[in-house]
PDB file of N, CA and C in Angstrom:
ATOM      1  N   MET A   1     202.390 177.052  59.590  1.00  0.00           N
ATOM      2  CA  MET A   1     201.973 177.403  58.405  1.00  0.00           C
ATOM      3  C   MET A   1     201.457 178.856  58.257  1.00  0.00           C
ATOM      4  N   SER A   2     201.912 179.681  57.004  1.00  0.00           N
ATOM      5  CA  SER A   2     201.467 180.997  57.256  1.00  0.00           C
ATOM      6  C   SER A   2     199.562 181.142  57.673  1.00  0.00           C
ATOM      7  N   LEU A   3     199.593 182.017  58.132  1.00  0.00           N
ATOM      8  CA  LEU A   3     197.628 182.550  58.610  1.00  0.00           C
ATOM      9  C   LEU A   3     196.985 182.698  56.639  1.00  0.00           C
ATOM     10  N   ALA A   4     197.495 183.295  55.575  1.00  0.00           N
ATOM     11  CA  ALA A   4     197.410 183.277  54.232  1.00  0.00           C
ATOM     12  C   ALA A   4     197.426 181.698  53.666  1.00  0.00           C
ATOM     13  N   ALA A   5     197.782 181.373  54.050  1.00  0.00           N
ATOM     14  CA  ALA A   5     197.920 179.687  53.195  1.00  0.00           C
ATOM     15  C   ALA A   5     197.238 179.232  53.853  1.00  0.00           C
ATOM     16  N   ARG A   6     196.859 179.429  55.126  1.00  0.00           N
ATOM     17  CA  ARG A   6     195.810 178.650  55.739  1.00  0.00           C
ATOM     18  C   ARG A   6     194.539 179.272  55.671  1.00  0.00           C
ATOM     19  N   ILE A   7     194.008 180.530  55.800  1.00  0.00           N
ATOM     20  CA  ILE A   7     193.140 181.648  54.700  1.00  0.00           C
ATOM     21  C   ILE A   7     192.614 180.823  53.611  1.00  0.00           C
ATOM     22  N   LEU A   8     193.849 180.911  52.993  1.00  0.00           N
ATOM     23  CA  LEU A   8     193.613 180.791  51.182  1.00  0.00           C
ATOM     24  C   LEU A   8     192.796 179.198  51.394  1.00  0.00           C
ATOM     25  N   SER A   9     193.469 178.583  51.925  1.00  0.00           N
ATOM     26  CA  SER A   9     193.772 176.822  51.412  1.00  0.00           C
ATOM     27  C   SER A   9     191.489 176.173  52.227  1.00  0.00           C
ATOM     28  N   VAL A  10     191.532 176.783  53.053  1.00  0.00           N
ATOM     29  CA  VAL A  10     189.756 176.941  53.317  1.00  0.00           C
ATOM     30  C   VAL A  10     189.142 177.622  52.328  1.00  0.00           C
ATOM     31  N   VAL A  11     189.187 179.162  52.426  1.00  0.00           N
ATOM     32  CA  VAL A  11     187.960 179.306  51.190  1.00  0.00           C
ATOM     33  C   VAL A  11     188.427 178.811  49.681  1.00  0.00           C
ATOM     34  N   ILE A  12     189.293 178.229  49.459  1.00  0.00           N
ATOM     35  CA  ILE A  12     189.576 177.411  48.224  1.00  0.00           C
ATOM     36  C   ILE A  12     188.297 176.137  48.220  1.00  0.00           C
ATOM     37  N   ALA A  13     188.989 175.887  49.537  1.00  0.00           N
ATOM     38  CA  ALA A  13     188.391 174.557  49.857  1.00  0.00           C
ATOM     39  C   ALA A  13     186.995 174.648  49.481  1.00  0.00           C
ATOM     40  N   VAL A  14     185.813 175.306  50.405  1.00  0.00           N
ATOM     41  CA  VAL A  14     184.854 175.722  50.482  1.00  0.00           C
ATOM     42  C   VAL A  14     184.099 176.304  48.983  1.00  0.00           C
ATOM     43  N   LEU A  15     185.049 176.622  48.150  1.00  0.00           N
ATOM     44  CA  LEU A  15     184.107 177.590  46.513  1.00  0.00           C
ATOM     45  C   LEU A  15     184.329 175.435  45.975  1.00  0.00           C
ATOM     46  N   PHE A  16     185.459 175.038  46.180  1.00  0.00           N
ATOM     47  CA  PHE A  16     185.154 173.563  44.956  1.00  0.00           C
ATOM     48  C   PHE A  16     184.978 172.757  46.161  1.00  0.00           C
ATOM     49  N   THR A  17     184.507 172.846  47.258  1.00  0.00           N
ATOM     50  CA  THR A  17     183.404 171.690  47.667  1.00  0.00           C
ATOM     51  C   THR A  17     182.079 172.199  47.114  1.00  0.00           C
ATOM     52  N   ALA A  18     181.931 173.315  47.325  1.00  0.00           N
ATOM     53  CA  ALA A  18     180.458 173.886  46.979  1.00  0.00           C
ATOM     54  C   ALA A  18     180.184 173.402  45.169  1.00  0.00           C
ATOM     55  N   ILE A  19     180.847 173.896  44.738  1.00  0.00           N
ATOM     56  CA  ILE A  19     180.555 173.405  42.991  1.00  0.00           C
ATOM     57  C   ILE A  19     181.037 172.138  42.354  1.00  0.00           C
ATOM     58  N   GLY A  20     181.669 171.808  43.585  1.00  0.00           N
ATOM     59  CA  GLY A  20     182.289 170.321  43.132  1.00  0.00           C
ATOM     60  C   GLY A  20     180.656 168.840  43.535  1.00  0.00           C
ATOM     61  N   LEU A  21     180.150 169.576  44.409  1.00  0.00           N
ATOM     62  CA  LEU A  21     179.094 168.758  45.372  1.00  0.00           C
ATOM     63  C   LEU A  21     177.663 169.206  44.399  1.00  0.00           C
ATOM     64  N   ALA A  22     177.918 170.174  43.819  1.00  0.00           N
ATOM     65  CA  ALA A  22     176.875 170.657  42.803  1.00  0.00           C
ATOM     66  C   ALA A  22     176.642 170.259  41.281  1.00  0.00           C
ATOM     67  N   LYS A  23     177.972 169.601  41.245  1.00  0.00           N
ATOM     68  CA  LYS A  23     177.859 168.785  39.508  1.00  0.00           C
ATOM     69  C   LYS A  23     177.808 167.293  40.171  1.00  0.00           C
ATOM     70  N   VAL A  24     178.504 166.890  41.007  1.00  0.00           N
ATOM     71  CA  VAL A  24     178.062 165.501  41.834  1.00  0.00           C
ATOM     72  C   VAL A  24     176.309 165.331  41.711  1.00  0.00           C
ATOM     73  N   ALA A  25     175.936 166.170  42.486  1.00  0.00           N
ATOM     74  CA  ALA A  25     174.056 166.320  42.249  1.00  0.00           C
ATOM     75  C   ALA A  25     173.628 166.532  41.042  1.00  0.00           C
ATOM     76  N   ALA A  26     174.572 167.216  39.900  1.00  0.00           N
ATOM     77  CA  ALA A  26     173.831 167.119  38.605  1.00  0.00           C
ATOM     78  C   ALA A  26     172.633 168.047  39.018  1.00  0.00           C
ATOM     79  N   LEU A  27     172.859 169.230  39.472  1.00  0.00           N
ATOM     80  CA  LEU A  27     171.794 170.361  39.525  1.00  0.00           C
ATOM     81  C   LEU A  27     171.335 171.119  38.039  1.00  0.00           C
ATOM     82  N   GLU A  28     170.567 171.197  38.089  1.00  0.00           N
ATOM     83  CA  GLU A  28     169.496 171.965  36.306  1.00  0.00           C
ATOM     84  C   GLU A  28     171.004 172.980  36.159  1.00  0.00           C
ATOM     85  N   PRO A  29     171.850 173.827  36.931  1.00  0.00           N
ATOM     86  CA  PRO A  29     172.649 174.813  36.348  1.00  0.00           C
ATOM     87  C   PRO A  29     173.900 174.422  35.775  1.00  0.00           C
ATOM     88  N   MET A  30     174.285 173.234  37.084  1.00  0.00           N
ATOM     89  CA  MET A  30     175.367 172.080  36.542  1.00  0.00           C
ATOM     90  C   MET A  30     175.517 171.337  35.073  1.00  0.00           C
ATOM     91  N   ARG A  31     174.129 170.890  35.070  1.00  0.00           N
ATOM     92  CA  ARG A  31     173.365 169.704  33.730  1.00  0.00           C
ATOM     93  C   ARG A  31     174.069 171.436  32.724  1.00  0.00           C
ATOM     94  N   GLU A  32     173.302 172.276  32.510  1.00  0.00           N
ATOM     95  CA  GLU A  32     173.237 173.432  31.475  1.00  0.00           C
ATOM     96  C   GLU A  32     174.674 173.571  31.234  1.00  0.00           C
ATOM     97  N   ARG A  33     175.743 173.940  32.087  1.00  0.00           N
ATOM     98  CA  ARG A  33     176.984 173.854  31.725  1.00  0.00           C
ATOM     99  C   ARG A  33     177.677 172.994  31.141  1.00  0.00           C
ATOM    100  N   ALA A  34     177.735 172.163  31.526  1.00  0.00           N
ATOM    101  CA  ALA A  34     178.133 170.742  30.905  1.00  0.00           C
ATOM    102  C   ALA A  34     177.612 170.430  29.592  1.00  0.00           C
ATOM    103  N   ALA A  35     176.501 170.544  29.363  1.00  0.00           N
ATOM    104  CA  ALA A  35     176.065 170.620  27.804  1.00  0.00           C
ATOM    105  C   ALA A  35     176.757 171.654  27.189  1.00  0.00           C
ATOM    106  N   HIS A  36     176.974 172.960  27.466  1.00  0.00           N
ATOM    107  CA  HIS A  36     177.802 173.954  26.978  1.00  0.00           C
ATOM    108  C   HIS A  36     179.396 173.484  26.753  1.00  0.00           C
ATOM    109  N   ALA A  37     179.755 173.091  28.087  1.00  0.00           N
ATOM    110  CA  ALA A  37     181.414 172.289  27.752  1.00  0.00           C
ATOM    111  C   ALA A  37     181.069 171.057  26.616  1.00  0.00           C
ATOM    112  N   GLY A  38     180.148 170.621  26.576  1.00  0.00           N
ATOM    113  CA  GLY A  38     180.200 169.318  25.951  1.00  0.00           C
ATOM    114  C   GLY A  38     180.323 168.478  26.231  1.00  0.00           C
ATOM    115  N   PHE A  39     180.211 168.353  27.756  1.00  0.00           N
ATOM    116  CA  PHE A  39     180.535 167.226  28.215  1.00  0.00           C
ATOM    117  C   PHE A  39     179.095 166.512  28.703  1.00  0.00           C
ATOM    118  N   GLY A  40     179.061 165.036  28.995  1.00  0.00           N
ATOM    119  CA  GLY A  40     177.713 164.387  29.155  1.00  0.00           C
ATOM    120  C   GLY A  40     178.152 165.112  31.175  1.00  0.00           C
ATOM    121  N   VAL A  41     176.630 164.414  31.365  1.00  0.00           N
ATOM    122  CA  VAL A  41     176.484 164.310  33.016  1.00  0.00           C
ATOM    123  C   VAL A  41     177.197 163.917  33.596  1.00  0.00           C
ATOM    124  N   PRO A  42     177.553 161.947  33.196  1.00  0.00           N
ATOM    125  CA  PRO A  42     178.563 161.777  33.976  1.00  0.00           C
ATOM    126  C   PRO A  42     179.828 162.158  34.009  1.00  0.00           C
ATOM    127  N   ALA A  43     180.927 162.074  33.220  1.00  0.00           N
ATOM    128  CA  ALA A  43     181.952 163.459  32.738  1.00  0.00           C
ATOM    129  C   ALA A  43     181.839 164.560  33.802  1.00  0.00           C
ATOM    130  N   TYR A  44     181.031 164.978  33.809  1.00  0.00           N
ATOM    131  CA  TYR A  44     180.662 166.161  34.778  1.00  0.00           C
ATOM    132  C   TYR A  44     180.894 166.199  36.008  1.00  0.00           C
ATOM    133  N   ARG A  45     179.888 164.932  36.422  1.00  0.00           N
ATOM    134  CA  ARG A  45     179.892 164.434  38.324  1.00  0.00           C
ATOM    135  C   ARG A  45     181.385 163.950  38.385  1.00  0.00           C
ATOM    136  N   ARG A  46     182.118 163.375  37.631  1.00  0.00           N
ATOM    137  CA  ARG A  46     183.440 162.597  37.833  1.00  0.00           C
ATOM    138  C   ARG A  46     184.477 164.228  37.750  1.00  0.00           C
ATOM    139  N   LEU A  47     184.016 165.191  37.056  1.00  0.00           N
ATOM    140  CA  LEU A  47     184.887 166.175  37.567  1.00  0.00           C
ATOM    141  C   LEU A  47     184.807 166.975  38.842  1.00  0.00           C
ATOM    142  N   GLY A  48     183.480 166.915  39.403  1.00  0.00           N
ATOM    143  CA  GLY A  48     182.820 167.766  40.457  1.00  0.00           C
ATOM    144  C   GLY A  48     183.647 166.671  41.760  1.00  0.00           C
ATOM    145  N   VAL A  49     183.408 165.063  41.851  1.00  0.00           N
ATOM    146  CA  VAL A  49     184.191 164.171  42.384  1.00  0.00           C
ATOM    147  C   VAL A  49     186.131 164.544  42.786  1.00  0.00           C
ATOM    148  N   LEU A  50     186.427 164.886  41.570  1.00  0.00           N
ATOM    149  CA  LEU A  50     187.847 165.800  41.396  1.00  0.00           C
ATOM    150  C   LEU A  50     188.203 166.797  42.093  1.00  0.00           C
ATOM    151  N   GLU A  51     186.822 167.522  41.985  1.00  0.00           N
ATOM    152  CA  GLU A  51     186.922 169.400  42.598  1.00  0.00           C
ATOM    153  C   GLU A  51     186.514 168.553  44.362  1.00  0.00           C
ATOM    154  N   VAL A  52     185.932 167.854  44.758  1.00  0.00           N
ATOM    155  CA  VAL A  52     185.478 167.726  46.091  1.00  0.00           C
ATOM    156  C   VAL A  52     186.878 167.164  46.458  1.00  0.00           C
ATOM    157  N   THR A  53     187.707 166.066  46.188  1.00  0.00           N
ATOM    158  CA  THR A  53     188.721 165.147  46.385  1.00  0.00           C
ATOM    159  C   THR A  53     189.732 166.272  47.025  1.00  0.00           C
ATOM    160  N   GLY A  54     190.166 167.543  45.790  1.00  0.00           N
ATOM    161  CA  GLY A  54     190.429 168.447  46.121  1.00  0.00           C
ATOM    162  C   GLY A  54     190.734 169.144  47.096  1.00  0.00           C
ATOM    163  N   ALA A  55     189.488 169.708  47.362  1.00  0.00           N
ATOM    164  CA  ALA A  55     189.192 170.343  48.334  1.00  0.00           C
ATOM    165  C   ALA A  55     189.467 169.617  49.533  1.00  0.00           C
ATOM    166  N   ALA A  56     189.016 168.682  49.833  1.00  0.00           N
ATOM    167  CA  ALA A  56     189.299 167.750  50.767  1.00  0.00           C
ATOM    168  C   ALA A  56     191.072 167.933  51.066  1.00  0.00           C
ATOM    169  N   GLY A  57     192.010 167.345  49.771  1.00  0.00           N
ATOM    170  CA  GLY A  57     193.275 167.435  50.211  1.00  0.00           C
ATOM    171  C   GLY A  57     194.002 168.897  50.439  1.00  0.00           C
ATOM    172  N   LEU A  58     193.137 170.039  50.571  1.00  0.00           N
ATOM    173  CA  LEU A  58     193.533 171.093  51.102  1.00  0.00           C
ATOM    174  C   LEU A  58     193.428 171.611  52.254  1.00  0.00           C
ATOM    175  N   LEU A  59     192.253 170.531  53.075  1.00  0.00           N
ATOM    176  CA  LEU A  59     191.798 170.883  54.404  1.00  0.00           C
ATOM    177  C   LEU A  59     192.799 169.912  55.295  1.00  0.00           C
ATOM    178  N   ILE A  60     192.994 168.709  54.114  1.00  0.00           N
ATOM    179  CA  ILE A  60     194.708 168.145  54.870  1.00  0.00           C
ATOM    180  C   ILE A  60     195.477 168.613  55.172  1.00  0.00           C
ATOM    181  N   GLY A  61     195.832 169.542  54.029  1.00  0.00           N
ATOM    182  CA  GLY A  61     197.102 170.244  54.299  1.00  0.00           C
ATOM    183  C   GLY A  61     197.168 171.022  55.073  1.00  0.00           C
ATOM    184  N   LEU A  62     195.957 171.492  55.869  1.00  0.00           N
ATOM    185  CA  LEU A  62     196.238 172.174  57.091  1.00  0.00           C
ATOM    186  C   LEU A  62     197.492 171.119  57.868  1.00  0.00           C
ATOM    187  N   ALA A  63     197.077 170.585  57.953  1.00  0.00           N
ATOM    188  CA  ALA A  63     197.891 169.271  58.972  1.00  0.00           C
ATOM    189  C   ALA A  63     199.147 169.185  58.494  1.00  0.00           C
ATOM    190  N   VAL A  64     199.082 168.743  57.323  1.00  0.00           N
ATOM    191  CA  VAL A  64     199.768 168.044  56.185  1.00  0.00           C
ATOM    192  C   VAL A  64     200.338 168.595  55.107  1.00  0.00           C
ATOM    193  N   PRO A  65     201.204 169.694  54.802  1.00  0.00           N
ATOM    194  CA  PRO A  65     201.547 170.693  53.979  1.00  0.00           C
ATOM    195  C   PRO A  65     201.653 170.087  52.725  1.00  0.00           C
ATOM    196  N   GLN A  66     202.107 168.364  52.608  1.00  0.00           N
ATOM    197  CA  GLN A  66     202.743 168.091  51.410  1.00  0.00           C
ATOM    198  C   GLN A  66     201.003 168.083  50.680  1.00  0.00           C
ATOM    199  N   VAL A  67     200.110 167.473  51.104  1.00  0.00           N
ATOM    200  CA  VAL A  67     198.596 166.801  50.831  1.00  0.00           C
ATOM    201  C   VAL A  67     198.130 168.097  50.314  1.00  0.00           C
ATOM    202  N   GLY A  68     198.146 168.842  50.911  1.00  0.00           N
ATOM    203  CA  GLY A  68     197.737 170.372  50.297  1.00  0.00           C
ATOM    204  C   GLY A  68     198.116 170.806  49.043  1.00  0.00           C
ATOM    205  N   LEU A  69     199.909 170.754  49.082  1.00  0.00           N
ATOM    206  CA  LEU A  69     200.286 171.304  47.934  1.00  0.00           C
ATOM    207  C   LEU A  69     200.273 170.665  46.947  1.00  0.00           C
ATOM    208  N   ALA A  70     199.930 169.135  46.799  1.00  0.00           N
ATOM    209  CA  ALA A  70     199.480 168.002  45.783  1.00  0.00           C
ATOM    210  C   ALA A  70     197.975 168.457  45.383  1.00  0.00           C
ATOM    211  N   ALA A  71     197.277 168.538  46.475  1.00  0.00           N
ATOM    212  CA  ALA A  71     195.694 169.154  46.463  1.00  0.00           C
ATOM    213  C   ALA A  71     195.129 170.315  45.418  1.00  0.00           C
ATOM    214  N   ALA A  72     196.534 171.489  45.867  1.00  0.00           N
ATOM    215  CA  ALA A  72     196.450 172.779  45.107  1.00  0.00           C
ATOM    216  C   ALA A  72     196.921 172.541  43.580  1.00  0.00           C
ATOM    217  N   LEU A  73     198.059 171.742  43.213  1.00  0.00           N
ATOM    218  CA  LEU A  73     198.481 171.302  42.089  1.00  0.00           C
ATOM    219  C   LEU A  73     197.852 170.979  41.112  1.00  0.00           C
ATOM    220  N   GLY A  74     196.949 169.713  41.839  1.00  0.00           N
ATOM    221  CA  GLY A  74     195.643 169.558  41.082  1.00  0.00           C
ATOM    222  C   GLY A  74     194.818 170.140  40.108  1.00  0.00           C
ATOM    223  N   LEU A  75     194.433 171.004  41.479  1.00  0.00           N
ATOM    224  CA  LEU A  75     193.355 171.916  41.278  1.00  0.00           C
ATOM    225  C   LEU A  75     193.720 172.603  40.356  1.00  0.00           C
ATOM    226  N   VAL A  76     194.495 173.470  40.326  1.00  0.00           N
ATOM    227  CA  VAL A  76     195.366 174.227  39.502  1.00  0.00           C
ATOM    228  C   VAL A  76     195.707 173.028  37.532  1.00  0.00           C
ATOM    229  N   LEU A  77     195.392 172.343  37.920  1.00  0.00           N
ATOM    230  CA  LEU A  77     195.099 171.514  36.898  1.00  0.00           C
ATOM    231  C   LEU A  77     193.655 171.367  36.404  1.00  0.00           C
ATOM    232  N   LEU A  78     192.677 171.359  36.981  1.00  0.00           N
ATOM    233  CA  LEU A  78     191.253 171.301  36.889  1.00  0.00           C
ATOM    234  C   LEU A  78     191.271 172.526  35.862  1.00  0.00           C
ATOM    235  N   LEU A  79     191.891 173.568  37.209  1.00  0.00           N
ATOM    236  CA  LEU A  79     191.248 175.212  36.321  1.00  0.00           C
ATOM    237  C   LEU A  79     192.211 175.324  34.635  1.00  0.00           C
ATOM    238  N   VAL A  80     193.157 174.546  34.260  1.00  0.00           N
ATOM    239  CA  VAL A  80     193.556 175.450  33.006  1.00  0.00           C
ATOM    240  C   VAL A  80     192.786 174.705  32.305  1.00  0.00           C
ATOM    241  N   GLY A  81     192.677 173.035  32.318  1.00  0.00           N
ATOM    242  CA  GLY A  81     191.415 172.384  31.677  1.00  0.00           C
ATOM    243  C   GLY A  81     190.295 173.242  31.614  1.00  0.00           C
ATOM    244  N   ALA A  82     189.721 173.860  32.505  1.00  0.00           N
ATOM    245  CA  ALA A  82     188.124 174.582  32.619  1.00  0.00           C
ATOM    246  C   ALA A  82     188.867 175.912  31.717  1.00  0.00           C
ATOM    247  N   PHE A  83     189.744 176.679  32.081  1.00  0.00           N
ATOM    248  CA  PHE A  83     189.928 177.545  30.570  1.00  0.00           C
ATOM    249  C   PHE A  83     189.654 177.145  29.591  1.00  0.00           C
ATOM    250  N   VAL A  84     190.947 175.992  29.315  1.00  0.00           N
ATOM    251  CA  VAL A  84     190.887 175.936  27.568  1.00  0.00           C
ATOM    252  C   VAL A  84     188.944 174.976  27.062  1.00  0.00           C
ATOM    253  N   VAL A  85     188.341 174.961  28.429  1.00  0.00           N
ATOM    254  CA  VAL A  85     187.098 174.444  27.659  1.00  0.00           C
ATOM    255  C   VAL A  85     186.138 175.447  26.824  1.00  0.00           C
ATOM    256  N   HIS A  86     186.813 176.504  27.996  1.00  0.00           N
ATOM    257  CA  HIS A  86     186.052 178.161  27.823  1.00  0.00           C
ATOM    258  C   HIS A  86     186.164 178.426  26.622  1.00  0.00           C
ATOM    259  N   VAL A  87     187.700 178.309  26.532  1.00  0.00           N
ATOM    260  CA  VAL A  87     188.290 179.400  25.013  1.00  0.00           C
ATOM    261  C   VAL A  87     187.576 178.393  23.921  1.00  0.00           C
ATOM    262  N   ARG A  88     187.325 177.063  23.775  1.00  0.00           N
ATOM    263  CA  ARG A  88     186.925 176.034  22.814  1.00  0.00           C
ATOM    264  C   ARG A  88     185.236 176.577  22.431  1.00  0.00           C
ATOM    265  N   ALA A  89     184.779 176.717  24.056  1.00  0.00           N
ATOM    266  CA  ALA A  89     183.381 177.182  24.072  1.00  0.00           C
ATOM    267  C   ALA A  89     183.073 178.132  23.338  1.00  0.00           C
ATOM    268  N   GLY A  90     183.981 178.881  23.039  1.00  0.00           N
ATOM    269  CA  GLY A  90     184.152 180.490  22.424  1.00  0.00           C
ATOM    270  C   GLY A  90     183.425 181.338  23.854  1.00  0.00           C
ATOM    271  N   ASP A  91     184.022 181.095  25.358  1.00  0.00           N
ATOM    272  CA  ASP A  91     182.985 182.256  26.197  1.00  0.00           C
ATOM    273  C   ASP A  91     183.651 183.287  25.972  1.00  0.00           C
ATOM    274  N   GLY A  92     183.307 184.132  26.596  1.00  0.00           N
ATOM    275  CA  GLY A  92     184.057 185.721  26.664  1.00  0.00           C
ATOM    276  C   GLY A  92     184.537 185.359  28.141  1.00  0.00           C
ATOM    277  N   LEU A  93     185.179 186.457  28.274  1.00  0.00           N
ATOM    278  CA  LEU A  93     186.058 186.970  29.382  1.00  0.00           C
ATOM    279  C   LEU A  93     185.331 186.826  30.604  1.00  0.00           C
ATOM    280  N   ALA A  94     184.165 187.372  30.337  1.00  0.00           N
ATOM    281  CA  ALA A  94     182.819 187.415  31.485  1.00  0.00           C
ATOM    282  C   ALA A  94     182.390 185.528  32.029  1.00  0.00           C
ATOM    283  N   GLU A  95     182.391 184.588  31.431  1.00  0.00           N
ATOM    284  CA  GLU A  95     182.535 183.315  31.603  1.00  0.00           C
ATOM    285  C   GLU A  95     183.457 183.020  32.187  1.00  0.00           C
ATOM    286  N   MET A  96     185.184 183.637  31.231  1.00  0.00           N
ATOM    287  CA  MET A  96     185.873 182.799  32.200  1.00  0.00           C
ATOM    288  C   MET A  96     186.549 183.129  33.433  1.00  0.00           C
ATOM    289  N   MET A  97     185.668 184.306  34.329  1.00  0.00           N
ATOM    290  CA  MET A  97     186.448 185.183  34.835  1.00  0.00           C
ATOM    291  C   MET A  97     186.348 184.277  36.500  1.00  0.00           C
ATOM    292  N   PRO A  98     185.582 183.589  36.718  1.00  0.00           N
ATOM    293  CA  PRO A  98     185.121 182.356  37.502  1.00  0.00           C
ATOM    294  C   PRO A  98     186.363 181.731  38.172  1.00  0.00           C
ATOM    295  N   ALA A  99     187.016 181.081  36.550  1.00  0.00           N
ATOM    296  CA  ALA A  99     187.958 180.289  36.897  1.00  0.00           C
ATOM    297  C   ALA A  99     189.451 180.431  36.675  1.00  0.00           C
ATOM    298  N   ILE A 100     188.692 182.517  35.932  1.00  0.00           N
ATOM    299  CA  ILE A 100     190.856 182.586  36.526  1.00  0.00           C
ATOM    300  C   ILE A 100     190.720 183.571  38.159  1.00  0.00           C
ATOM    301  N   VAL A 101     189.838 184.233  38.296  1.00  0.00           N
ATOM    302  CA  VAL A 101     190.055 184.189  39.790  1.00  0.00           C
ATOM    303  C   VAL A 101     190.317 183.181  40.511  1.00  0.00           C
ATOM    304  N   VAL A 102     189.413 182.176  40.467  1.00  0.00           N
ATOM    305  CA  VAL A 102     190.063 180.928  41.663  1.00  0.00           C
ATOM    306  C   VAL A 102     191.023 180.322  41.465  1.00  0.00           C
ATOM    307  N   GLY A 103     191.715 180.452  39.995  1.00  0.00           N
ATOM    308  CA  GLY A 103     192.737 179.471  39.624  1.00  0.00           C
ATOM    309  C   GLY A 103     193.952 180.433  40.397  1.00  0.00           C
ATOM    310  N   THR A 104     194.143 182.027  39.882  1.00  0.00           N
ATOM    311  CA  THR A 104     194.504 182.584  40.314  1.00  0.00           C
ATOM    312  C   THR A 104     195.009 182.566  42.014  1.00  0.00           C
ATOM    313  N   ALA A 105     193.849 182.601  42.832  1.00  0.00           N
ATOM    314  CA  ALA A 105     194.085 182.059  44.199  1.00  0.00           C
ATOM    315  C   ALA A 105     194.825 180.834  44.782  1.00  0.00           C
ATOM    316  N   THR A 106     194.122 179.466  43.591  1.00  0.00           N
ATOM    317  CA  THR A 106     194.929 178.442  44.266  1.00  0.00           C
ATOM    318  C   THR A 106     196.182 178.404  43.925  1.00  0.00           C
ATOM    319  N   VAL A 107     196.927 179.069  42.894  1.00  0.00           N
ATOM    320  CA  VAL A 107     198.356 179.387  42.369  1.00  0.00           C
ATOM    321  C   VAL A 107     198.460 179.946  43.267  1.00  0.00           C
ATOM    322  N   ALA A 108     198.212 181.285  44.001  1.00  0.00           N
ATOM    323  CA  ALA A 108     199.030 181.610  45.435  1.00  0.00           C
ATOM    324  C   ALA A 108     199.078 180.626  46.178  1.00  0.00           C
ATOM    325  N   CYS A 109     197.991 179.604  46.971  1.00  0.00           N
ATOM    326  CA  CYS A 109     198.296 178.892  48.064  1.00  0.00           C
ATOM    327  C   CYS A 109     198.676 177.851  47.551  1.00  0.00           C
ATOM    328  N   GLY A 110     199.313 177.569  46.514  1.00  0.00           N
ATOM    329  CA  GLY A 110     200.226 176.132  46.159  1.00  0.00           C
ATOM    330  C   GLY A 110     201.807 177.308  46.292  1.00  0.00           C
ATOM    331  N   LEU A 111     201.891 178.403  45.695  1.00  0.00           N
ATOM    332  CA  LEU A 111     202.803 178.415  45.927  1.00  0.00           C
ATOM    333  C   LEU A 111     203.484 179.074  47.831  1.00  0.00           C
ATOM    334  N   LEU A 112     202.473 179.189  48.204  1.00  0.00           N
ATOM    335  CA  LEU A 112     202.436 179.355  49.706  1.00  0.00           C
ATOM    336  C   LEU A 112     203.182 178.099  50.742  1.00  0.00           C
ATOM    337  N   LEU A 113     202.325 176.827  49.724  1.00  0.00           N
ATOM    338  CA  LEU A 113     202.367 175.751  50.670  1.00  0.00           C
ATOM    339  C   LEU A 113     204.043 175.372  50.142  1.00  0.00           C
ATOM    340  N   ALA A 114     204.094 175.493  48.922  1.00  0.00           N
ATOM    341  CA  ALA A 114     205.353 175.080  48.473  1.00  0.00           C
ATOM    342  C   ALA A 114     206.154 175.588  49.396  1.00  0.00           C
ATOM    343  N   SER A 115     206.461 177.042  49.893  1.00  0.00           N
ATOM    344  CA  SER A 115     207.071 177.172  50.537  1.00  0.00           C
ATOM    345  C   SER A 115     207.029 176.453  51.901  1.00  0.00           C
ATOM    346  N   GLU A 116     205.888 176.640  52.577  1.00  0.00           N
ATOM    347  CA  GLU A 116     205.639 175.855  53.491  1.00  0.00           C
ATOM    348  C   GLU A 116     206.512 174.659  53.546  1.00  0.00           C
ATOM    349  N   VAL A 117     206.652 173.446  53.288  1.00  0.00           N
ATOM    350  CA  VAL A 117     206.931 172.185  52.351  1.00  0.00           C
ATOM    351  C   VAL A 117     209.016 172.461  52.601  1.00  0.00           C
ATOM    352  N   ALA A 118     209.121 173.438  51.601  1.00  0.00           N
ATOM    353  CA  ALA A 118     210.697 173.720  51.258  1.00  0.00           C
ATOM    354  C   ALA A 118     211.236 173.674  52.367  1.00  0.00           C
ATOM    355  N   SER A 119     210.971 174.713  53.527  1.00  0.00           N
ATOM    356  CA  SER A 119     211.602 174.888  54.473  1.00  0.00           C
ATOM    357  C   SER A 119     211.296 174.626  55.549  1.00  0.00           C
TER     358      SER A 119
END
């Protein structure tokens, strides 16, 4: 596996683990974001579980690239959903930027992993 794929996988996994665990723990900032997005806390917690699971998949992907690729694809889908939620909530570019940046990095990671799986 390429060094770039490994680094991106680990960095993205750390980010999603931190954000996912904050959602699962229902920390106050996450409760506020859930309300702003129109989600109840239980639904936001489920999203957190999906994020942590995706992060674990990226780390497993360090040994099994197919799993990492599947995890990256799942996380990209979550981020597309996050972008849609931001648009519906009337958020500006500043509020959407974290999802855009992490989404772009996750797509790049997925492309690198896809090249690993294909070879």
